[in-house]
PDB file of N, CA and C in Angstrom:
ATOM      1  N   UNK A   1       0.775  -1.239  -0.013  1.00  0.00           N
ATOM      2  CA  UNK A   1      -0.022  -0.027  -0.012  1.00  0.00           C
ATOM      3  C   UNK A   1       0.814   1.266  -0.005  1.00  0.00           C
ATOM      4  N   UNK A   2       1.879   1.185   0.865  1.00  0.00           N
ATOM      5  CA  UNK A   2       2.748   2.427   0.925  1.00  0.00           C
ATOM      6  C   UNK A   2       3.469   2.686  -0.450  1.00  0.00           C
ATOM      7  N   UNK A   3       3.896   1.353  -1.055  1.00  0.00           N
ATOM      8  CA  UNK A   3       4.594   1.539  -2.359  1.00  0.00           C
ATOM      9  C   UNK A   3       3.641   2.209  -3.489  1.00  0.00           C
ATOM     10  N   UNK A   4       2.460   1.809  -3.356  1.00  0.00           N
ATOM     11  CA  UNK A   4       1.335   2.304  -4.287  1.00  0.00           C
ATOM     12  C   UNK A   4       1.221   3.653  -4.138  1.00  0.00           C
ATOM     13  N   UNK A   5       0.986   4.196  -2.889  1.00  0.00           N
ATOM     14  CA  UNK A   5       1.038   5.647  -2.478  1.00  0.00           C
ATOM     15  C   UNK A   5       2.248   6.410  -3.074  1.00  0.00           C
ATOM     16  N   UNK A   6       3.312   5.899  -2.703  1.00  0.00           N
ATOM     17  CA  UNK A   6       4.576   6.516  -3.123  1.00  0.00           C
ATOM     18  C   UNK A   6       4.818   6.766  -4.644  1.00  0.00           C
ATOM     19  N   UNK A   7       4.449   5.733  -5.170  1.00  0.00           N
ATOM     20  CA  UNK A   7       4.274   5.626  -6.631  1.00  0.00           C
ATOM     21  C   UNK A   7       3.456   6.676  -7.277  1.00  0.00           C
ATOM     22  N   UNK A   8       2.090   6.714  -6.746  1.00  0.00           N
ATOM     23  CA  UNK A   8       1.125   7.849  -7.099  1.00  0.00           C
ATOM     24  C   UNK A   8       1.900   9.216  -6.946  1.00  0.00           C
ATOM     25  N   UNK A   9       2.299   9.301  -5.868  1.00  0.00           N
ATOM     26  CA  UNK A   9       2.919  10.816  -5.355  1.00  0.00           C
ATOM     27  C   UNK A   9       4.146  11.008  -6.371  1.00  0.00           C
ATOM     28  N   UNK A  10       4.832  10.014  -6.661  1.00  0.00           N
ATOM     29  CA  UNK A  10       6.128  10.117  -7.690  1.00  0.00           C
ATOM     30  C   UNK A  10       5.435  10.603  -9.023  1.00  0.00           C
ATOM     31  N   UNK A  11       4.478   9.837  -9.539  1.00  0.00           N
ATOM     32  CA  UNK A  11       3.810  10.131 -10.829  1.00  0.00           C
ATOM     33  C   UNK A  11       3.254  11.618 -10.812  1.00  0.00           C
ATOM     34  N   UNK A  12       2.564  11.736  -9.761  1.00  0.00           N
ATOM     35  CA  UNK A  12       2.019  13.190  -9.656  1.00  0.00           C
ATOM     36  C   UNK A  12       2.940  14.395  -9.661  1.00  0.00           C
ATOM     37  N   UNK A  13       4.166  14.054  -9.101  1.00  0.00           N
ATOM     38  CA  UNK A  13       5.285  14.954  -9.169  1.00  0.00           C
ATOM     39  C   UNK A  13       5.780  15.202 -10.556  1.00  0.00           C
ATOM     40  N   UNK A  14       6.006  13.971 -11.143  1.00  0.00           N
ATOM     41  CA  UNK A  14       6.493  14.191 -12.502  1.00  0.00           C
ATOM     42  C   UNK A  14       5.556  14.950 -13.522  1.00  0.00           C
ATOM     43  N   UNK A  15       4.227  14.695 -13.242  1.00  0.00           N
ATOM     44  CA  UNK A  15       3.277  15.318 -14.157  1.00  0.00           C
ATOM     45  C   UNK A  15       3.101  16.753 -13.892  1.00  0.00           C
ATOM     46  N   UNK A  16       3.323  17.155 -12.732  1.00  0.00           N
ATOM     47  CA  UNK A  16       3.307  18.614 -12.201  1.00  0.00           C
ATOM     48  C   UNK A  16       4.564  19.316 -12.743  1.00  0.00           C
ATOM     49  N   UNK A  17       5.644  18.753 -12.776  1.00  0.00           N
ATOM     50  CA  UNK A  17       6.923  19.312 -13.120  1.00  0.00           C
ATOM     51  C   UNK A  17       6.934  19.332 -14.600  1.00  0.00           C
ATOM     52  N   UNK A  18       6.333  18.455 -15.340  1.00  0.00           N
ATOM     53  CA  UNK A  18       6.254  18.483 -16.724  1.00  0.00           C
ATOM     54  C   UNK A  18       5.254  19.551 -17.166  1.00  0.00           C
ATOM     55  N   UNK A  19       4.244  19.852 -16.463  1.00  0.00           N
ATOM     56  CA  UNK A  19       3.371  20.889 -16.796  1.00  0.00           C
ATOM     57  C   UNK A  19       4.162  22.145 -16.771  1.00  0.00           C
ATOM     58  N   UNK A  20       4.848  22.237 -15.718  1.00  0.00           N
ATOM     59  CA  UNK A  20       5.502  23.674 -15.494  1.00  0.00           C
ATOM     60  C   UNK A  20       6.585  23.874 -16.594  1.00  0.00           C
ATOM     61  N   UNK A  21       7.208  22.718 -17.054  1.00  0.00           N
ATOM     62  CA  UNK A  21       8.278  22.882 -17.932  1.00  0.00           C
ATOM     63  C   UNK A  21       7.593  23.238 -19.347  1.00  0.00           C
ATOM     64  N   UNK A  22       6.473  22.537 -19.570  1.00  0.00           N
ATOM     65  CA  UNK A  22       5.636  22.833 -20.747  1.00  0.00           C
ATOM     66  C   UNK A  22       5.241  24.274 -20.841  1.00  0.00           C
ATOM     67  N   UNK A  23       4.717  24.896 -19.740  1.00  0.00           N
ATOM     68  CA  UNK A  23       4.315  26.236 -19.616  1.00  0.00           C
ATOM     69  C   UNK A  23       5.551  27.133 -19.849  1.00  0.00           C
ATOM     70  N   UNK A  24       6.750  26.682 -19.313  1.00  0.00           N
ATOM     71  CA  UNK A  24       7.747  27.583 -19.448  1.00  0.00           C
ATOM     72  C   UNK A  24       8.223  27.476 -20.977  1.00  0.00           C
ATOM     73  N   UNK A  25       8.105  26.551 -21.562  1.00  0.00           N
ATOM     74  CA  UNK A  25       8.534  26.373 -22.936  1.00  0.00           C
ATOM     75  C   UNK A  25       7.614  27.277 -23.920  1.00  0.00           C
ATOM     76  N   UNK A  26       6.227  27.133 -23.525  1.00  0.00           N
ATOM     77  CA  UNK A  26       5.361  27.832 -24.255  1.00  0.00           C
ATOM     78  C   UNK A  26       5.402  29.289 -24.083  1.00  0.00           C
ATOM     79  N   UNK A  27       5.750  29.760 -22.784  1.00  0.00           N
ATOM     80  CA  UNK A  27       6.117  31.058 -22.502  1.00  0.00           C
ATOM     81  C   UNK A  27       7.356  31.641 -23.222  1.00  0.00           C
ATOM     82  N   UNK A  28       8.441  30.821 -23.378  1.00  0.00           N
ATOM     83  CA  UNK A  28       9.635  31.109 -24.142  1.00  0.00           C
ATOM     84  C   UNK A  28       9.245  31.311 -25.655  1.00  0.00           C
ATOM     85  N   UNK A  29       8.420  30.401 -26.147  1.00  0.00           N
ATOM     86  CA  UNK A  29       8.167  30.353 -27.642  1.00  0.00           C
ATOM     87  C   UNK A  29       7.294  31.550 -27.973  1.00  0.00           C
ATOM     88  N   UNK A  30       6.422  31.988 -26.966  1.00  0.00           N
ATOM     89  CA  UNK A  30       5.488  33.269 -27.195  1.00  0.00           C
ATOM     90  C   UNK A  30       6.566  34.343 -27.272  1.00  0.00           C
ATOM     91  N   UNK A  31       7.393  34.397 -26.286  1.00  0.00           N
ATOM     92  CA  UNK A  31       8.380  35.657 -26.142  1.00  0.00           C
ATOM     93  C   UNK A  31       9.166  35.892 -27.535  1.00  0.00           C
ATOM     94  N   UNK A  32       9.657  34.493 -27.934  1.00  0.00           N
ATOM     95  CA  UNK A  32      10.379  34.458 -29.168  1.00  0.00           C
ATOM     96  C   UNK A  32       9.598  34.896 -30.566  1.00  0.00           C
ATOM     97  N   UNK A  33       8.492  34.705 -30.588  1.00  0.00           N
ATOM     98  CA  UNK A  33       7.651  34.997 -31.669  1.00  0.00           C
ATOM     99  C   UNK A  33       7.286  36.518 -31.543  1.00  0.00           C
ATOM    100  N   UNK A  34       7.039  37.050 -30.357  1.00  0.00           N
ATOM    101  CA  UNK A  34       6.965  38.479 -30.165  1.00  0.00           C
ATOM    102  C   UNK A  34       8.170  39.192 -30.605  1.00  0.00           C
ATOM    103  N   UNK A  35       9.381  38.804 -30.286  1.00  0.00           N
ATOM    104  CA  UNK A  35      10.418  39.479 -30.607  1.00  0.00           C
ATOM    105  C   UNK A  35      10.584  39.429 -32.108  1.00  0.00           C
ATOM    106  N   UNK A  36      10.534  38.305 -32.602  1.00  0.00           N
ATOM    107  CA  UNK A  36      10.528  38.252 -34.156  1.00  0.00           C
ATOM    108  C   UNK A  36       9.533  38.998 -34.834  1.00  0.00           C
ATOM    109  N   UNK A  37       8.344  39.216 -34.338  1.00  0.00           N
ATOM    110  CA  UNK A  37       7.145  40.025 -34.935  1.00  0.00           C
ATOM    111  C   UNK A  37       7.820  41.622 -34.776  1.00  0.00           C
ATOM    112  N   UNK A  38       8.276  41.856 -33.597  1.00  0.00           N
ATOM    113  CA  UNK A  38       8.859  43.318 -33.428  1.00  0.00           C
ATOM    114  C   UNK A  38       9.839  43.624 -34.448  1.00  0.00           C
ATOM    115  N   UNK A  39      10.813  42.674 -34.723  1.00  0.00           N
ATOM    116  CA  UNK A  39      11.890  42.919 -35.628  1.00  0.00           C
ATOM    117  C   UNK A  39      11.414  43.099 -36.956  1.00  0.00           C
ATOM    118  N   UNK A  40      10.356  42.140 -37.327  1.00  0.00           N
ATOM    119  CA  UNK A  40       9.750  42.299 -38.725  1.00  0.00           C
ATOM    120  C   UNK A  40       9.148  43.658 -38.988  1.00  0.00           C
ATOM    121  N   UNK A  41       8.473  44.123 -38.018  1.00  0.00           N
ATOM    122  CA  UNK A  41       7.640  45.253 -38.012  1.00  0.00           C
ATOM    123  C   UNK A  41       8.785  46.405 -38.070  1.00  0.00           C
ATOM    124  N   UNK A  42       9.814  46.370 -37.283  1.00  0.00           N
ATOM    125  CA  UNK A  42      10.833  47.441 -37.584  1.00  0.00           C
ATOM    126  C   UNK A  42      11.401  47.298 -38.835  1.00  0.00           C
ATOM    127  N   UNK A  43      11.754  46.326 -39.480  1.00  0.00           N
ATOM    128  CA  UNK A  43      12.330  46.296 -40.707  1.00  0.00           C
ATOM    129  C   UNK A  43      11.317  46.727 -41.730  1.00  0.00           C
ATOM    130  N   UNK A  44      10.144  46.290 -41.630  1.00  0.00           N
ATOM    131  CA  UNK A  44       9.254  46.866 -42.640  1.00  0.00           C
ATOM    132  C   UNK A  44       9.221  48.406 -42.631  1.00  0.00           C
ATOM    133  N   UNK A  45       9.161  49.026 -41.278  1.00  0.00           N
ATOM    134  CA  UNK A  45       9.061  50.343 -41.181  1.00  0.00           C
ATOM    135  C   UNK A  45      10.194  51.143 -41.851  1.00  0.00           C
ATOM    136  N   UNK A  46      11.351  50.473 -41.652  1.00  0.00           N
ATOM    137  CA  UNK A  46      12.608  51.085 -42.395  1.00  0.00           C
ATOM    138  C   UNK A  46      12.472  51.060 -43.919  1.00  0.00           C
ATOM    139  N   UNK A  47      11.883  49.885 -44.359  1.00  0.00           N
ATOM    140  CA  UNK A  47      11.706  49.891 -45.739  1.00  0.00           C
ATOM    141  C   UNK A  47      10.760  50.804 -46.439  1.00  0.00           C
ATOM    142  N   UNK A  48       9.683  50.859 -45.756  1.00  0.00           N
ATOM    143  CA  UNK A  48       8.578  51.901 -46.047  1.00  0.00           C
ATOM    144  C   UNK A  48       9.267  53.313 -46.114  1.00  0.00           C
ATOM    145  N   UNK A  49       9.891  53.736 -45.067  1.00  0.00           N
ATOM    146  CA  UNK A  49      10.354  55.080 -44.938  1.00  0.00           C
ATOM    147  C   UNK A  49      11.461  55.293 -46.061  1.00  0.00           C
ATOM    148  N   UNK A  50      12.328  54.282 -46.376  1.00  0.00           N
ATOM    149  CA  UNK A  50      13.249  54.481 -47.410  1.00  0.00           C
ATOM    150  C   UNK A  50      12.583  54.745 -48.830  1.00  0.00           C
ATOM    151  N   UNK A  51      11.403  53.800 -48.898  1.00  0.00           N
ATOM    152  CA  UNK A  51      10.797  53.934 -50.143  1.00  0.00           C
ATOM    153  C   UNK A  51       9.993  55.295 -50.292  1.00  0.00           C
ATOM    154  N   UNK A  52       9.340  55.854 -49.114  1.00  0.00           N
ATOM    155  CA  UNK A  52       8.759  57.062 -49.206  1.00  0.00           C
ATOM    156  C   UNK A  52       9.768  58.256 -49.687  1.00  0.00           C
ATOM    157  N   UNK A  53      10.936  58.141 -48.862  1.00  0.00           N
ATOM    158  CA  UNK A  53      11.961  59.137 -49.219  1.00  0.00           C
ATOM    159  C   UNK A  53      12.367  59.084 -50.753  1.00  0.00           C
ATOM    160  N   UNK A  54      12.620  57.822 -51.107  1.00  0.00           N
ATOM    161  CA  UNK A  54      12.992  57.781 -52.731  1.00  0.00           C
ATOM    162  C   UNK A  54      11.780  58.267 -53.576  1.00  0.00           C
ATOM    163  N   UNK A  55      10.568  57.986 -53.089  1.00  0.00           N
ATOM    164  CA  UNK A  55       9.483  58.703 -53.997  1.00  0.00           C
ATOM    165  C   UNK A  55       9.523  60.106 -53.842  1.00  0.00           C
ATOM    166  N   UNK A  56       9.706  60.659 -52.725  1.00  0.00           N
ATOM    167  CA  UNK A  56       9.844  62.118 -52.465  1.00  0.00           C
ATOM    168  C   UNK A  56      10.820  62.710 -53.393  1.00  0.00           C
ATOM    169  N   UNK A  57      12.133  62.109 -53.497  1.00  0.00           N
ATOM    170  CA  UNK A  57      13.089  62.527 -54.419  1.00  0.00           C
ATOM    171  C   UNK A  57      12.723  62.406 -55.741  1.00  0.00           C
ATOM    172  N   UNK A  58      12.012  61.418 -56.422  1.00  0.00           N
ATOM    173  CA  UNK A  58      11.795  61.278 -57.713  1.00  0.00           C
ATOM    174  C   UNK A  58      10.598  62.317 -58.103  1.00  0.00           C
ATOM    175  N   UNK A  59       9.785  62.508 -57.133  1.00  0.00           N
ATOM    176  CA  UNK A  59       8.639  63.392 -57.330  1.00  0.00           C
ATOM    177  C   UNK A  59       9.254  64.797 -57.468  1.00  0.00           C
ATOM    178  N   UNK A  60      10.218  65.117 -56.558  1.00  0.00           N
ATOM    179  CA  UNK A  60      10.705  66.542 -56.707  1.00  0.00           C
ATOM    180  C   UNK A  60      11.553  66.721 -57.932  1.00  0.00           C
ATOM    181  N   UNK A  61      12.301  65.561 -58.445  1.00  0.00           N
ATOM    182  CA  UNK A  61      12.906  65.642 -59.830  1.00  0.00           C
ATOM    183  C   UNK A  61      11.936  65.893 -61.004  1.00  0.00           C
ATOM    184  N   UNK A  62      10.785  65.155 -61.031  1.00  0.00           N
ATOM    185  CA  UNK A  62       9.798  65.440 -61.933  1.00  0.00           C
ATOM    186  C   UNK A  62       9.241  66.560 -62.006  1.00  0.00           C
ATOM    187  N   UNK A  63       8.880  67.207 -60.758  1.00  0.00           N
ATOM    188  CA  UNK A  63       8.298  68.630 -60.702  1.00  0.00           C
ATOM    189  C   UNK A  63       9.318  69.666 -61.092  1.00  0.00           C
ATOM    190  N   UNK A  64      10.730  69.489 -60.973  1.00  0.00           N
ATOM    191  CA  UNK A  64      11.598  70.338 -61.434  1.00  0.00           C
ATOM    192  C   UNK A  64      11.692  70.330 -62.928  1.00  0.00           C
ATOM    193  N   UNK A  65      11.669  69.080 -63.544  1.00  0.00           N
ATOM    194  CA  UNK A  65      11.702  69.069 -64.999  1.00  0.00           C
ATOM    195  C   UNK A  65      10.283  69.674 -65.448  1.00  0.00           C
ATOM    196  N   UNK A  66       9.322  69.486 -64.821  1.00  0.00           N
ATOM    197  CA  UNK A  66       8.066  70.142 -65.510  1.00  0.00           C
ATOM    198  C   UNK A  66       7.999  71.624 -65.346  1.00  0.00           C
ATOM    199  N   UNK A  67       8.576  72.169 -64.100  1.00  0.00           N
ATOM    200  CA  UNK A  67       8.825  73.540 -64.079  1.00  0.00           C
ATOM    201  C   UNK A  67       9.599  74.099 -65.023  1.00  0.00           C
ATOM    202  N   UNK A  68      10.814  73.436 -65.386  1.00  0.00           N
ATOM    203  CA  UNK A  68      11.681  73.859 -66.473  1.00  0.00           C
ATOM    204  C   UNK A  68      11.018  74.039 -67.765  1.00  0.00           C
ATOM    205  N   UNK A  69      10.156  73.004 -68.106  1.00  0.00           N
ATOM    206  CA  UNK A  69       9.395  73.077 -69.334  1.00  0.00           C
ATOM    207  C   UNK A  69       8.385  74.108 -69.254  1.00  0.00           C
ATOM    208  N   UNK A  70       7.666  74.234 -68.254  1.00  0.00           N
ATOM    209  CA  UNK A  70       6.698  75.454 -68.272  1.00  0.00           C
ATOM    210  C   UNK A  70       7.449  76.755 -68.477  1.00  0.00           C
ATOM    211  N   UNK A  71       8.446  77.003 -67.907  1.00  0.00           N
ATOM    212  CA  UNK A  71       9.383  78.126 -68.038  1.00  0.00           C
ATOM    213  C   UNK A  71       9.712  78.310 -69.542  1.00  0.00           C
ATOM    214  N   UNK A  72      10.099  77.322 -70.114  1.00  0.00           N
ATOM    215  CA  UNK A  72      10.567  77.412 -71.590  1.00  0.00           C
ATOM    216  C   UNK A  72       9.330  77.638 -72.377  1.00  0.00           C
ATOM    217  N   UNK A  73       8.215  77.009 -72.110  1.00  0.00           N
ATOM    218  CA  UNK A  73       7.054  77.382 -72.900  1.00  0.00           C
ATOM    219  C   UNK A  73       6.485  78.819 -72.652  1.00  0.00           C
ATOM    220  N   UNK A  74       6.724  79.260 -71.448  1.00  0.00           N
ATOM    221  CA  UNK A  74       6.316  80.818 -71.198  1.00  0.00           C
ATOM    222  C   UNK A  74       7.179  81.644 -72.006  1.00  0.00           C
ATOM    223  N   UNK A  75       8.491  81.379 -71.990  1.00  0.00           N
ATOM    224  CA  UNK A  75       9.451  82.110 -72.895  1.00  0.00           C
ATOM    225  C   UNK A  75       9.023  82.103 -74.202  1.00  0.00           C
ATOM    226  N   UNK A  76       8.843  81.078 -74.899  1.00  0.00           N
ATOM    227  CA  UNK A  76       8.353  80.956 -76.186  1.00  0.00           C
ATOM    228  C   UNK A  76       7.059  81.806 -76.371  1.00  0.00           C
ATOM    229  N   UNK A  77       6.017  81.780 -75.518  1.00  0.00           N
ATOM    230  CA  UNK A  77       4.881  82.519 -75.631  1.00  0.00           C
ATOM    231  C   UNK A  77       5.286  84.025 -75.653  1.00  0.00           C
ATOM    232  N   UNK A  78       6.167  84.353 -74.700  1.00  0.00           N
ATOM    233  CA  UNK A  78       6.453  85.730 -74.520  1.00  0.00           C
ATOM    234  C   UNK A  78       7.217  86.264 -76.019  1.00  0.00           C
ATOM    235  N   UNK A  79       8.059  85.422 -76.413  1.00  0.00           N
ATOM    236  CA  UNK A  79       8.770  85.723 -77.761  1.00  0.00           C
ATOM    237  C   UNK A  79       7.661  85.880 -78.866  1.00  0.00           C
ATOM    238  N   UNK A  80       6.782  84.872 -78.886  1.00  0.00           N
ATOM    239  CA  UNK A  80       5.811  84.886 -79.997  1.00  0.00           C
ATOM    240  C   UNK A  80       4.850  86.126 -79.916  1.00  0.00           C
ATOM    241  N   UNK A  81       4.596  86.524 -78.603  1.00  0.00           N
ATOM    242  CA  UNK A  81       3.697  87.794 -78.418  1.00  0.00           C
ATOM    243  C   UNK A  81       4.511  89.075 -78.880  1.00  0.00           C
ATOM    244  N   UNK A  82       5.779  89.216 -78.735  1.00  0.00           N
ATOM    245  CA  UNK A  82       6.622  90.263 -79.135  1.00  0.00           C
ATOM    246  C   UNK A  82       6.708  90.382 -80.578  1.00  0.00           C
ATOM    247  N   UNK A  83       6.557  89.330 -81.392  1.00  0.00           N
ATOM    248  CA  UNK A  83       6.839  89.369 -82.765  1.00  0.00           C
ATOM    249  C   UNK A  83       5.449  89.716 -83.448  1.00  0.00           C
TER     250      UNK A  83
END
């Protein structure tokens, strides 16, 4: 009888410790996934900012070219009006 009770106590102890280890592993895995998500979000934010900056530069260049063409057209109109 004592052996059976000791055996049950031993099994209960093993099951309890396994549950704790499993909980710890789940907690560690959750933290790891959270950290990876944070890193992915940070990387995406950097890429979005770089793309936005690049787009701003390109848009500025296009606007400058357009302004030059408008100035040239205005000069041509002025010259045509003088003649």
